[in-house]
């Protein structure tokens, strides 16, 4: 059995602006972290279309709109873009004692698909 990696602290939940993103670079990852109500989401910060920073995108509910070309990425479930071939990788996060924590052990649907292709 593989050894589990510890959760990685990203940012204080209280430091996240409501309905906006924050870029967080840690552990070799460049993430866009969003707070929507009491929920928190993390995706790769780079838009798969042209590399624009998704953390500066506008939120529409639980969708982030790429500031460069308007592609939409669902934060809540599959994280598929408005163009099916373009997806932003979603990362499993939770809030523990007020800190947003990345769980590197959680497999997301996107990681399973990338391993199959």
PDB file of N, CA and C in Angstrom:
ATOM      1  N   UNK A   1       0.838  -1.175   0.000  1.00  0.00           N
ATOM      2  CA  UNK A   1       0.000   0.000   0.000  1.00  0.00           C
ATOM      3  C   UNK A   1       0.892   1.251   0.000  1.00  0.00           C
ATOM      4  N   UNK A   2       0.533   2.216  -0.833  1.00  0.00           N
ATOM      5  CA  UNK A   2       1.319   3.450  -0.933  1.00  0.00           C
ATOM      6  C   UNK A   2       1.134   4.301   0.318  1.00  0.00           C
ATOM      7  N   UNK A   3       2.193   4.978   0.691  1.00  0.00           N
ATOM      8  CA  UNK A   3       2.146   5.859   1.857  1.00  0.00           C
ATOM      9  C   UNK A   3       1.355   7.119   1.524  1.00  0.00           C
ATOM     10  N   UNK A   4       0.474   7.504   2.424  1.00  0.00           N
ATOM     11  CA  UNK A   4      -0.331   8.700   2.209  1.00  0.00           C
ATOM     12  C   UNK A   4       0.508   9.947   2.458  1.00  0.00           C
ATOM     13  N   UNK A   5       0.321  10.932   1.594  1.00  0.00           N
ATOM     14  CA  UNK A   5       1.010  12.209   1.754  1.00  0.00           C
ATOM     15  C   UNK A   5       0.181  13.098   2.678  1.00  0.00           C
ATOM     16  N   UNK A   6       0.835  13.927   3.486  1.00  0.00           N
ATOM     17  CA  UNK A   6       0.069  14.825   4.363  1.00  0.00           C
ATOM     18  C   UNK A   6      -0.626  15.921   3.556  1.00  0.00           C
ATOM     19  N   UNK A   7      -1.699  16.454   4.136  1.00  0.00           N
ATOM     20  CA  UNK A   7      -2.385  17.576   3.495  1.00  0.00           C
ATOM     21  C   UNK A   7      -1.447  18.774   3.441  1.00  0.00           C
ATOM     22  N   UNK A   8      -1.639  19.602   2.426  1.00  0.00           N
ATOM     23  CA  UNK A   8      -0.774  20.758   2.205  1.00  0.00           C
ATOM     24  C   UNK A   8      -1.568  22.033   2.500  1.00  0.00           C
ATOM     25  N   UNK A   9      -1.106  22.863   3.435  1.00  0.00           N
ATOM     26  CA  UNK A   9      -1.810  24.127   3.712  1.00  0.00           C
ATOM     27  C   UNK A   9      -1.664  25.085   2.531  1.00  0.00           C
ATOM     28  N   UNK A  10      -2.786  25.708   2.153  1.00  0.00           N
ATOM     29  CA  UNK A  10      -2.772  26.631   1.018  1.00  0.00           C
ATOM     30  C   UNK A  10      -2.910  28.089   1.444  1.00  0.00           C
ATOM     31  N   UNK A  11      -3.977  28.391   2.173  1.00  0.00           N
ATOM     32  CA  UNK A  11      -4.280  29.784   2.525  1.00  0.00           C
ATOM     33  C   UNK A  11      -5.321  29.768   3.638  1.00  0.00           C
ATOM     34  N   UNK A  12      -5.303  30.788   4.479  1.00  0.00           N
ATOM     35  CA  UNK A  12      -6.341  30.934   5.493  1.00  0.00           C
ATOM     36  C   UNK A  12      -7.684  31.161   4.785  1.00  0.00           C
ATOM     37  N   UNK A  13      -8.704  30.443   5.227  1.00  0.00           N
ATOM     38  CA  UNK A  13     -10.030  30.596   4.631  1.00  0.00           C
ATOM     39  C   UNK A  13     -10.486  32.046   4.710  1.00  0.00           C
ATOM     40  N   UNK A  14     -10.200  32.707   5.816  1.00  0.00           N
ATOM     41  CA  UNK A  14     -10.612  34.102   6.001  1.00  0.00           C
ATOM     42  C   UNK A  14      -9.879  35.060   5.057  1.00  0.00           C
ATOM     43  N   UNK A  15      -8.760  34.639   4.480  1.00  0.00           N
ATOM     44  CA  UNK A  15      -8.003  35.487   3.554  1.00  0.00           C
ATOM     45  C   UNK A  15      -8.537  35.409   2.124  1.00  0.00           C
ATOM     46  N   UNK A  16      -9.454  34.476   1.881  1.00  0.00           N
ATOM     47  CA  UNK A  16     -10.040  34.364   0.544  1.00  0.00           C
ATOM     48  C   UNK A  16     -11.160  35.388   0.383  1.00  0.00           C
ATOM     49  N   UNK A  17     -11.111  36.172  -0.671  1.00  0.00           N
ATOM     50  CA  UNK A  17     -12.204  37.122  -0.902  1.00  0.00           C
ATOM     51  C   UNK A  17     -13.458  36.372  -1.353  1.00  0.00           C
ATOM     52  N   UNK A  18     -14.606  36.837  -0.925  1.00  0.00           N
ATOM     53  CA  UNK A  18     -15.869  36.214  -1.327  1.00  0.00           C
ATOM     54  C   UNK A  18     -16.093  36.414  -2.818  1.00  0.00           C
ATOM     55  N   UNK A  19     -16.458  35.349  -3.494  1.00  0.00           N
ATOM     56  CA  UNK A  19     -16.822  35.381  -4.915  1.00  0.00           C
ATOM     57  C   UNK A  19     -15.711  35.891  -5.831  1.00  0.00           C
ATOM     58  N   UNK A  20     -14.463  35.686  -5.398  1.00  0.00           N
ATOM     59  CA  UNK A  20     -13.305  36.016  -6.244  1.00  0.00           C
ATOM     60  C   UNK A  20     -12.249  34.954  -6.002  1.00  0.00           C
ATOM     61  N   UNK A  21     -11.294  34.887  -6.899  1.00  0.00           N
ATOM     62  CA  UNK A  21     -10.241  33.897  -6.757  1.00  0.00           C
ATOM     63  C   UNK A  21      -8.978  34.475  -6.159  1.00  0.00           C
ATOM     64  N   UNK A  22      -8.130  33.572  -5.733  1.00  0.00           N
ATOM     65  CA  UNK A  22      -6.820  33.951  -5.206  1.00  0.00           C
ATOM     66  C   UNK A  22      -5.820  32.945  -5.769  1.00  0.00           C
ATOM     67  N   UNK A  23      -4.733  33.429  -6.309  1.00  0.00           N
ATOM     68  CA  UNK A  23      -3.672  32.559  -6.819  1.00  0.00           C
ATOM     69  C   UNK A  23      -2.808  32.093  -5.647  1.00  0.00           C
ATOM     70  N   UNK A  24      -2.569  30.785  -5.582  1.00  0.00           N
ATOM     71  CA  UNK A  24      -1.747  30.202  -4.535  1.00  0.00           C
ATOM     72  C   UNK A  24      -0.733  29.276  -5.203  1.00  0.00           C
ATOM     73  N   UNK A  25       0.536  29.546  -4.978  1.00  0.00           N
ATOM     74  CA  UNK A  25       1.611  28.713  -5.521  1.00  0.00           C
ATOM     75  C   UNK A  25       2.306  28.015  -4.360  1.00  0.00           C
ATOM     76  N   UNK A  26       2.258  26.686  -4.372  1.00  0.00           N
ATOM     77  CA  UNK A  26       2.892  25.905  -3.316  1.00  0.00           C
ATOM     78  C   UNK A  26       3.085  24.477  -3.793  1.00  0.00           C
ATOM     79  N   UNK A  27       4.074  23.816  -3.242  1.00  0.00           N
ATOM     80  CA  UNK A  27       4.351  22.396  -3.510  1.00  0.00           C
ATOM     81  C   UNK A  27       4.427  22.101  -5.006  1.00  0.00           C
ATOM     82  N   UNK A  28       4.949  23.050  -5.782  1.00  0.00           N
ATOM     83  CA  UNK A  28       5.078  22.857  -7.220  1.00  0.00           C
ATOM     84  C   UNK A  28       3.783  23.040  -7.991  1.00  0.00           C
ATOM     85  N   UNK A  29       2.740  23.522  -7.334  1.00  0.00           N
ATOM     86  CA  UNK A  29       1.443  23.732  -7.980  1.00  0.00           C
ATOM     87  C   UNK A  29       1.139  25.216  -8.087  1.00  0.00           C
ATOM     88  N   UNK A  30       0.445  25.584  -9.139  1.00  0.00           N
ATOM     89  CA  UNK A  30      -0.026  26.952  -9.349  1.00  0.00           C
ATOM     90  C   UNK A  30      -1.547  26.860  -9.400  1.00  0.00           C
ATOM     91  N   UNK A  31      -2.202  27.235  -8.305  1.00  0.00           N
ATOM     92  CA  UNK A  31      -3.633  27.011  -8.150  1.00  0.00           C
ATOM     93  C   UNK A  31      -4.432  28.302  -8.115  1.00  0.00           C
ATOM     94  N   UNK A  32      -5.684  28.187  -8.536  1.00  0.00           N
ATOM     95  CA  UNK A  32      -6.684  29.233  -8.359  1.00  0.00           C
ATOM     96  C   UNK A  32      -7.640  28.714  -7.291  1.00  0.00           C
ATOM     97  N   UNK A  33      -7.738  29.428  -6.172  1.00  0.00           N
ATOM     98  CA  UNK A  33      -8.572  28.995  -5.050  1.00  0.00           C
ATOM     99  C   UNK A  33      -9.729  29.978  -4.920  1.00  0.00           C
ATOM    100  N   UNK A  34     -10.939  29.438  -4.786  1.00  0.00           N
ATOM    101  CA  UNK A  34     -12.149  30.263  -4.747  1.00  0.00           C
ATOM    102  C   UNK A  34     -12.982  29.948  -3.522  1.00  0.00           C
ATOM    103  N   UNK A  35     -13.603  30.995  -2.967  1.00  0.00           N
ATOM    104  CA  UNK A  35     -14.574  30.836  -1.884  1.00  0.00           C
ATOM    105  C   UNK A  35     -15.929  31.269  -2.418  1.00  0.00           C
ATOM    106  N   UNK A  36     -16.876  30.338  -2.367  1.00  0.00           N
ATOM    107  CA  UNK A  36     -18.248  30.621  -2.781  1.00  0.00           C
ATOM    108  C   UNK A  36     -19.132  30.260  -1.593  1.00  0.00           C
ATOM    109  N   UNK A  37     -19.591  31.275  -0.876  1.00  0.00           N
ATOM    110  CA  UNK A  37     -20.314  31.029   0.369  1.00  0.00           C
ATOM    111  C   UNK A  37     -19.363  30.400   1.371  1.00  0.00           C
ATOM    112  N   UNK A  38     -19.747  29.256   1.922  1.00  0.00           N
ATOM    113  CA  UNK A  38     -18.891  28.529   2.855  1.00  0.00           C
ATOM    114  C   UNK A  38     -18.072  27.450   2.162  1.00  0.00           C
ATOM    115  N   UNK A  39     -18.221  27.323   0.843  1.00  0.00           N
ATOM    116  CA  UNK A  39     -17.505  26.291   0.092  1.00  0.00           C
ATOM    117  C   UNK A  39     -16.195  26.845  -0.457  1.00  0.00           C
ATOM    118  N   UNK A  40     -15.227  25.951  -0.627  1.00  0.00           N
ATOM    119  CA  UNK A  40     -13.935  26.342  -1.184  1.00  0.00           C
ATOM    120  C   UNK A  40     -13.576  25.361  -2.295  1.00  0.00           C
ATOM    121  N   UNK A  41     -12.979  25.892  -3.367  1.00  0.00           N
ATOM    122  CA  UNK A  41     -12.630  25.106  -4.540  1.00  0.00           C
ATOM    123  C   UNK A  41     -11.227  25.472  -4.994  1.00  0.00           C
ATOM    124  N   UNK A  42     -10.541  24.510  -5.614  1.00  0.00           N
ATOM    125  CA  UNK A  42      -9.219  24.784  -6.179  1.00  0.00           C
ATOM    126  C   UNK A  42      -9.100  24.092  -7.529  1.00  0.00           C
ATOM    127  N   UNK A  43      -8.607  24.851  -8.503  1.00  0.00           N
ATOM    128  CA  UNK A  43      -8.326  24.313  -9.835  1.00  0.00           C
ATOM    129  C   UNK A  43      -6.963  24.838 -10.262  1.00  0.00           C
ATOM    130  N   UNK A  44      -6.402  24.227 -11.307  1.00  0.00           N
ATOM    131  CA  UNK A  44      -5.162  24.776 -11.861  1.00  0.00           C
ATOM    132  C   UNK A  44      -5.421  26.221 -12.273  1.00  0.00           C
ATOM    133  N   UNK A  45      -4.462  27.095 -12.020  1.00  0.00           N
ATOM    134  CA  UNK A  45      -4.655  28.519 -12.313  1.00  0.00           C
ATOM    135  C   UNK A  45      -4.566  28.833 -13.798  1.00  0.00           C
ATOM    136  N   UNK A  46      -3.957  27.993 -14.567  1.00  0.00           N
ATOM    137  CA  UNK A  46      -3.738  28.264 -15.988  1.00  0.00           C
ATOM    138  C   UNK A  46      -4.878  27.716 -16.841  1.00  0.00           C
ATOM    139  N   UNK A  47      -5.510  28.586 -17.615  1.00  0.00           N
ATOM    140  CA  UNK A  47      -6.569  28.153 -18.524  1.00  0.00           C
ATOM    141  C   UNK A  47      -5.965  27.209 -19.563  1.00  0.00           C
ATOM    142  N   UNK A  48      -6.589  26.058 -19.798  1.00  0.00           N
ATOM    143  CA  UNK A  48      -6.027  25.113 -20.758  1.00  0.00           C
ATOM    144  C   UNK A  48      -6.071  25.603 -22.206  1.00  0.00           C
ATOM    145  N   UNK A  49      -6.789  26.674 -22.486  1.00  0.00           N
ATOM    146  CA  UNK A  49      -6.863  27.198 -23.849  1.00  0.00           C
ATOM    147  C   UNK A  49      -5.644  28.042 -24.198  1.00  0.00           C
ATOM    148  N   UNK A  50      -5.356  29.051 -23.368  1.00  0.00           N
ATOM    149  CA  UNK A  50      -4.262  29.958 -23.720  1.00  0.00           C
ATOM    150  C   UNK A  50      -3.419  30.367 -22.518  1.00  0.00           C
ATOM    151  N   UNK A  51      -3.619  29.710 -21.381  1.00  0.00           N
ATOM    152  CA  UNK A  51      -2.765  29.944 -20.228  1.00  0.00           C
ATOM    153  C   UNK A  51      -3.114  31.133 -19.361  1.00  0.00           C
ATOM    154  N   UNK A  52      -4.251  31.785 -19.596  1.00  0.00           N
ATOM    155  CA  UNK A  52      -4.628  32.935 -18.768  1.00  0.00           C
ATOM    156  C   UNK A  52      -4.855  32.493 -17.321  1.00  0.00           C
ATOM    157  N   UNK A  53      -4.619  33.384 -16.386  1.00  0.00           N
ATOM    158  CA  UNK A  53      -4.803  33.094 -14.970  1.00  0.00           C
ATOM    159  C   UNK A  53      -6.288  33.025 -14.628  1.00  0.00           C
ATOM    160  N   UNK A  54      -6.743  31.848 -14.215  1.00  0.00           N
ATOM    161  CA  UNK A  54      -8.153  31.680 -13.854  1.00  0.00           C
ATOM    162  C   UNK A  54      -8.486  32.316 -12.521  1.00  0.00           C
ATOM    163  N   UNK A  55      -7.480  32.542 -11.676  1.00  0.00           N
ATOM    164  CA  UNK A  55      -7.755  33.155 -10.378  1.00  0.00           C
ATOM    165  C   UNK A  55      -8.272  34.593 -10.534  1.00  0.00           C
ATOM    166  N   UNK A  56      -8.004  35.207 -11.660  1.00  0.00           N
ATOM    167  CA  UNK A  56      -8.513  36.560 -11.897  1.00  0.00           C
ATOM    168  C   UNK A  56      -9.813  36.548 -12.695  1.00  0.00           C
ATOM    169  N   UNK A  57     -10.344  35.358 -12.949  1.00  0.00           N
ATOM    170  CA  UNK A  57     -11.605  35.255 -13.676  1.00  0.00           C
ATOM    171  C   UNK A  57     -12.790  35.645 -12.810  1.00  0.00           C
ATOM    172  N   UNK A  58     -13.881  35.981 -13.458  1.00  0.00           N
ATOM    173  CA  UNK A  58     -15.115  36.372 -12.769  1.00  0.00           C
ATOM    174  C   UNK A  58     -15.908  35.114 -12.413  1.00  0.00           C
ATOM    175  N   UNK A  59     -16.479  35.100 -11.222  1.00  0.00           N
ATOM    176  CA  UNK A  59     -17.319  33.983 -10.811  1.00  0.00           C
ATOM    177  C   UNK A  59     -18.773  34.231 -11.196  1.00  0.00           C
ATOM    178  N   UNK A  60     -19.409  33.168 -11.669  1.00  0.00           N
ATOM    179  CA  UNK A  60     -20.834  33.166 -11.962  1.00  0.00           C
ATOM    180  C   UNK A  60     -21.389  31.948 -11.243  1.00  0.00           C
ATOM    181  N   UNK A  61     -21.828  32.134 -10.002  1.00  0.00           N
ATOM    182  CA  UNK A  61     -22.223  30.998  -9.172  1.00  0.00           C
ATOM    183  C   UNK A  61     -21.003  30.152  -8.868  1.00  0.00           C
ATOM    184  N   UNK A  62     -21.046  28.876  -9.262  1.00  0.00           N
ATOM    185  CA  UNK A  62     -19.904  27.988  -9.077  1.00  0.00           C
ATOM    186  C   UNK A  62     -19.149  27.757 -10.376  1.00  0.00           C
ATOM    187  N   UNK A  63     -19.188  28.737 -11.259  1.00  0.00           N
ATOM    188  CA  UNK A  63     -18.421  28.687 -12.499  1.00  0.00           C
ATOM    189  C   UNK A  63     -17.474  29.873 -12.523  1.00  0.00           C
ATOM    190  N   UNK A  64     -16.259  29.631 -13.004  1.00  0.00           N
ATOM    191  CA  UNK A  64     -15.313  30.724 -13.187  1.00  0.00           C
ATOM    192  C   UNK A  64     -15.205  30.973 -14.690  1.00  0.00           C
ATOM    193  N   UNK A  65     -15.182  32.242 -15.054  1.00  0.00           N
ATOM    194  CA  UNK A  65     -15.106  32.641 -16.454  1.00  0.00           C
ATOM    195  C   UNK A  65     -13.688  33.117 -16.734  1.00  0.00           C
ATOM    196  N   UNK A  66     -13.027  32.468 -17.691  1.00  0.00           N
ATOM    197  CA  UNK A  66     -11.659  32.846 -18.046  1.00  0.00           C
ATOM    198  C   UNK A  66     -11.647  34.297 -18.516  1.00  0.00           C
ATOM    199  N   UNK A  67     -10.731  35.109 -17.962  1.00  0.00           N
ATOM    200  CA  UNK A  67     -10.692  36.516 -18.327  1.00  0.00           C
ATOM    201  C   UNK A  67     -10.194  36.756 -19.752  1.00  0.00           C
ATOM    202  N   UNK A  68      -9.541  35.798 -20.367  1.00  0.00           N
ATOM    203  CA  UNK A  68      -8.992  36.007 -21.709  1.00  0.00           C
ATOM    204  C   UNK A  68     -10.011  35.761 -22.820  1.00  0.00           C
ATOM    205  N   UNK A  69     -10.717  34.636 -22.752  1.00  0.00           N
ATOM    206  CA  UNK A  69     -11.595  34.284 -23.867  1.00  0.00           C
ATOM    207  C   UNK A  69     -13.001  33.874 -23.454  1.00  0.00           C
ATOM    208  N   UNK A  70     -13.325  33.983 -22.164  1.00  0.00           N
ATOM    209  CA  UNK A  70     -14.689  33.731 -21.716  1.00  0.00           C
ATOM    210  C   UNK A  70     -15.078  32.277 -21.527  1.00  0.00           C
ATOM    211  N   UNK A  71     -14.120  31.343 -21.617  1.00  0.00           N
ATOM    212  CA  UNK A  71     -14.469  29.951 -21.347  1.00  0.00           C
ATOM    213  C   UNK A  71     -14.920  29.830 -19.900  1.00  0.00           C
ATOM    214  N   UNK A  72     -15.862  28.923 -19.656  1.00  0.00           N
ATOM    215  CA  UNK A  72     -16.412  28.731 -18.315  1.00  0.00           C
ATOM    216  C   UNK A  72     -15.985  27.371 -17.781  1.00  0.00           C
ATOM    217  N   UNK A  73     -15.610  27.367 -16.493  1.00  0.00           N
ATOM    218  CA  UNK A  73     -15.199  26.133 -15.844  1.00  0.00           C
ATOM    219  C   UNK A  73     -16.013  25.934 -14.579  1.00  0.00           C
ATOM    220  N   UNK A  74     -16.695  24.796 -14.500  1.00  0.00           N
ATOM    221  CA  UNK A  74     -17.501  24.439 -13.342  1.00  0.00           C
ATOM    222  C   UNK A  74     -16.571  24.077 -12.201  1.00  0.00           C
ATOM    223  N   UNK A  75     -16.749  24.704 -11.049  1.00  0.00           N
ATOM    224  CA  UNK A  75     -15.902  24.421  -9.892  1.00  0.00           C
ATOM    225  C   UNK A  75     -16.422  23.241  -9.086  1.00  0.00           C
ATOM    226  N   UNK A  76     -17.747  23.046  -9.078  1.00  0.00           N
ATOM    227  CA  UNK A  76     -18.351  22.090  -8.176  1.00  0.00           C
ATOM    228  C   UNK A  76     -18.213  20.628  -8.509  1.00  0.00           C
ATOM    229  N   UNK A  77     -18.323  20.236  -9.755  1.00  0.00           N
ATOM    230  CA  UNK A  77     -18.350  18.802 -10.039  1.00  0.00           C
ATOM    231  C   UNK A  77     -17.232  18.410 -10.995  1.00  0.00           C
ATOM    232  N   UNK A  78     -17.543  18.304 -12.267  1.00  0.00           N
ATOM    233  CA  UNK A  78     -16.567  17.752 -13.209  1.00  0.00           C
ATOM    234  C   UNK A  78     -15.510  18.757 -13.620  1.00  0.00           C
ATOM    235  N   UNK A  79     -15.776  20.031 -13.428  1.00  0.00           N
ATOM    236  CA  UNK A  79     -14.837  21.083 -13.806  1.00  0.00           C
ATOM    237  C   UNK A  79     -14.597  21.123 -15.310  1.00  0.00           C
ATOM    238  N   UNK A  80     -15.529  20.615 -16.091  1.00  0.00           N
ATOM    239  CA  UNK A  80     -15.371  20.652 -17.541  1.00  0.00           C
ATOM    240  C   UNK A  80     -15.600  22.057 -18.044  1.00  0.00           C
ATOM    241  N   UNK A  81     -14.833  22.436 -19.020  1.00  0.00           N
ATOM    242  CA  UNK A  81     -14.970  23.754 -19.611  1.00  0.00           C
ATOM    243  C   UNK A  81     -16.181  23.827 -20.511  1.00  0.00           C
ATOM    244  N   UNK A  82     -16.477  25.022 -21.013  1.00  0.00           N
ATOM    245  CA  UNK A  82     -17.592  25.169 -21.929  1.00  0.00           C
ATOM    246  C   UNK A  82     -17.268  24.499 -23.257  1.00  0.00           C
ATOM    247  N   UNK A  83     -15.997  24.231 -23.526  1.00  0.00           N
ATOM    248  CA  UNK A  83     -15.575  23.437 -24.663  1.00  0.00           C
ATOM    249  C   UNK A  83     -15.125  22.095 -24.088  1.00  0.00           C
ATOM    250  N   UNK A  84     -15.810  20.987 -24.413  1.00  0.00           N
ATOM    251  CA  UNK A  84     -15.529  19.709 -23.751  1.00  0.00           C
ATOM    252  C   UNK A  84     -14.069  19.265 -23.786  1.00  0.00           C
ATOM    253  N   UNK A  85     -13.329  19.602 -24.817  1.00  0.00           N
ATOM    254  CA  UNK A  85     -11.928  19.162 -24.912  1.00  0.00           C
ATOM    255  C   UNK A  85     -11.016  19.927 -23.950  1.00  0.00           C
ATOM    256  N   UNK A  86     -11.501  21.039 -23.410  1.00  0.00           N
ATOM    257  CA  UNK A  86     -10.690  21.856 -22.509  1.00  0.00           C
ATOM    258  C   UNK A  86     -11.203  21.712 -21.084  1.00  0.00           C
ATOM    259  N   UNK A  87     -10.344  21.260 -20.190  1.00  0.00           N
ATOM    260  CA  UNK A  87     -10.722  21.115 -18.801  1.00  0.00           C
ATOM    261  C   UNK A  87      -9.638  21.702 -17.915  1.00  0.00           C
ATOM    262  N   UNK A  88     -10.050  22.307 -16.817  1.00  0.00           N
ATOM    263  CA  UNK A  88      -9.109  22.770 -15.800  1.00  0.00           C
ATOM    264  C   UNK A  88      -9.093  21.718 -14.708  1.00  0.00           C
ATOM    265  N   UNK A  89      -7.923  21.254 -14.341  1.00  0.00           N
ATOM    266  CA  UNK A  89      -7.827  20.200 -13.344  1.00  0.00           C
ATOM    267  C   UNK A  89      -8.317  20.707 -11.992  1.00  0.00           C
ATOM    268  N   UNK A  90      -9.186  19.930 -11.376  1.00  0.00           N
ATOM    269  CA  UNK A  90      -9.740  20.255 -10.069  1.00  0.00           C
ATOM    270  C   UNK A  90      -8.911  19.553  -8.994  1.00  0.00           C
ATOM    271  N   UNK A  91      -8.726  20.221  -7.852  1.00  0.00           N
ATOM    272  CA  UNK A  91      -7.966  19.661  -6.742  1.00  0.00           C
ATOM    273  C   UNK A  91      -8.857  19.573  -5.512  1.00  0.00           C
ATOM    274  N   UNK A  92      -8.733  18.487  -4.778  1.00  0.00           N
ATOM    275  CA  UNK A  92      -9.535  18.276  -3.566  1.00  0.00           C
ATOM    276  C   UNK A  92      -9.001  19.146  -2.438  1.00  0.00           C
ATOM    277  N   UNK A  93      -9.877  19.977  -1.892  1.00  0.00           N
ATOM    278  CA  UNK A  93      -9.516  20.845  -0.773  1.00  0.00           C
ATOM    279  C   UNK A  93     -10.594  20.771   0.296  1.00  0.00           C
ATOM    280  N   UNK A  94     -10.182  21.118   1.507  1.00  0.00           N
ATOM    281  CA  UNK A  94     -11.120  21.203   2.626  1.00  0.00           C
ATOM    282  C   UNK A  94     -10.618  22.290   3.556  1.00  0.00           C
ATOM    283  N   UNK A  95     -11.465  22.692   4.488  1.00  0.00           N
ATOM    284  CA  UNK A  95     -11.078  23.688   5.479  1.00  0.00           C
ATOM    285  C   UNK A  95     -10.898  22.971   6.810  1.00  0.00           C
ATOM    286  N   UNK A  96      -9.698  23.083   7.358  1.00  0.00           N
ATOM    287  CA  UNK A  96      -9.356  22.455   8.634  1.00  0.00           C
ATOM    288  C   UNK A  96      -8.830  23.545   9.563  1.00  0.00           C
ATOM    289  N   UNK A  97      -9.535  23.780  10.663  1.00  0.00           N
ATOM    290  CA  UNK A  97      -9.143  24.803  11.636  1.00  0.00           C
ATOM    291  C   UNK A  97      -8.869  26.157  10.975  1.00  0.00           C
ATOM    292  N   UNK A  98      -9.743  26.530  10.023  1.00  0.00           N
ATOM    293  CA  UNK A  98      -9.632  27.832   9.376  1.00  0.00           C
ATOM    294  C   UNK A  98      -8.627  27.911   8.241  1.00  0.00           C
ATOM    295  N   UNK A  99      -7.943  26.802   7.941  1.00  0.00           N
ATOM    296  CA  UNK A  99      -6.938  26.781   6.871  1.00  0.00           C
ATOM    297  C   UNK A  99      -7.448  25.927   5.715  1.00  0.00           C
ATOM    298  N   UNK A 100      -7.331  26.455   4.482  1.00  0.00           N
ATOM    299  CA  UNK A 100      -7.672  25.661   3.307  1.00  0.00           C
ATOM    300  C   UNK A 100      -6.523  24.681   3.078  1.00  0.00           C
ATOM    301  N   UNK A 101      -6.876  23.390   3.039  1.00  0.00           N
ATOM    302  CA  UNK A 101      -5.886  22.330   2.915  1.00  0.00           C
ATOM    303  C   UNK A 101      -6.112  21.551   1.626  1.00  0.00           C
ATOM    304  N   UNK A 102      -5.032  21.299   0.903  1.00  0.00           N
ATOM    305  CA  UNK A 102      -5.055  20.493  -0.311  1.00  0.00           C
ATOM    306  C   UNK A 102      -4.815  19.040   0.082  1.00  0.00           C
ATOM    307  N   UNK A 103      -5.640  18.140  -0.419  1.00  0.00           N
ATOM    308  CA  UNK A 103      -5.460  16.710  -0.150  1.00  0.00           C
ATOM    309  C   UNK A 103      -4.851  16.055  -1.384  1.00  0.00           C
ATOM    310  N   UNK A 104      -3.538  15.812  -1.371  1.00  0.00           N
ATOM    311  CA  UNK A 104      -2.883  15.231  -2.557  1.00  0.00           C
ATOM    312  C   UNK A 104      -3.215  13.753  -2.745  1.00  0.00           C
ATOM    313  N   UNK A 105      -3.906  13.137  -1.803  1.00  0.00           N
ATOM    314  CA  UNK A 105      -4.228  11.711  -1.879  1.00  0.00           C
ATOM    315  C   UNK A 105      -5.567  11.437  -2.547  1.00  0.00           C
ATOM    316  N   UNK A 106      -6.387  12.463  -2.702  1.00  0.00           N
ATOM    317  CA  UNK A 106      -7.714  12.280  -3.277  1.00  0.00           C
ATOM    318  C   UNK A 106      -7.628  12.252  -4.795  1.00  0.00           C
ATOM    319  N   UNK A 107      -8.246  11.246  -5.379  1.00  0.00           N
ATOM    320  CA  UNK A 107      -8.273  11.110  -6.832  1.00  0.00           C
ATOM    321  C   UNK A 107      -9.510  11.831  -7.340  1.00  0.00           C
ATOM    322  N   UNK A 108      -9.322  12.739  -8.284  1.00  0.00           N
ATOM    323  CA  UNK A 108     -10.446  13.457  -8.882  1.00  0.00           C
ATOM    324  C   UNK A 108     -10.814  12.798 -10.201  1.00  0.00           C
ATOM    325  N   UNK A 109     -12.040  12.984 -10.683  1.00  0.00           N
ATOM    326  CA  UNK A 109     -12.420  12.402 -11.978  1.00  0.00           C
ATOM    327  C   UNK A 109     -11.470  12.819 -13.101  1.00  0.00           C
ATOM    328  N   UNK A 110     -10.958  14.053 -13.040  1.00  0.00           N
ATOM    329  CA  UNK A 110     -10.061  14.534 -14.088  1.00  0.00           C
ATOM    330  C   UNK A 110      -8.753  13.745 -14.108  1.00  0.00           C
ATOM    331  N   UNK A 111      -8.241  13.383 -12.933  1.00  0.00           N
ATOM    332  CA  UNK A 111      -6.982  12.645 -12.897  1.00  0.00           C
ATOM    333  C   UNK A 111      -7.173  11.232 -13.422  1.00  0.00           C
ATOM    334  N   UNK A 112      -8.338  10.642 -13.190  1.00  0.00           N
ATOM    335  CA  UNK A 112      -8.612   9.312 -13.736  1.00  0.00           C
ATOM    336  C   UNK A 112      -8.667   9.385 -15.256  1.00  0.00           C
ATOM    337  N   UNK A 113      -9.355  10.380 -15.800  1.00  0.00           N
ATOM    338  CA  UNK A 113      -9.450  10.529 -17.254  1.00  0.00           C
ATOM    339  C   UNK A 113      -8.092  10.752 -17.884  1.00  0.00           C
ATOM    340  N   UNK A 114      -7.241  11.565 -17.260  1.00  0.00           N
ATOM    341  CA  UNK A 114      -5.924  11.846 -17.842  1.00  0.00           C
ATOM    342  C   UNK A 114      -5.050  10.594 -17.843  1.00  0.00           C
ATOM    343  N   UNK A 115      -5.237   9.705 -16.877  1.00  0.00           N
ATOM    344  CA  UNK A 115      -4.470   8.466 -16.843  1.00  0.00           C
ATOM    345  C   UNK A 115      -4.942   7.497 -17.921  1.00  0.00           C
ATOM    346  N   UNK A 116      -6.209   7.587 -18.327  1.00  0.00           N
ATOM    347  CA  UNK A 116      -6.752   6.684 -19.328  1.00  0.00           C
ATOM    348  C   UNK A 116      -6.405   7.108 -20.751  1.00  0.00           C
ATOM    349  N   UNK A 117      -6.092   8.388 -20.943  1.00  0.00           N
ATOM    350  CA  UNK A 117      -5.818   8.878 -22.302  1.00  0.00           C
ATOM    351  C   UNK A 117      -4.344   8.952 -22.581  1.00  0.00           C
TER     352      UNK A 117
END
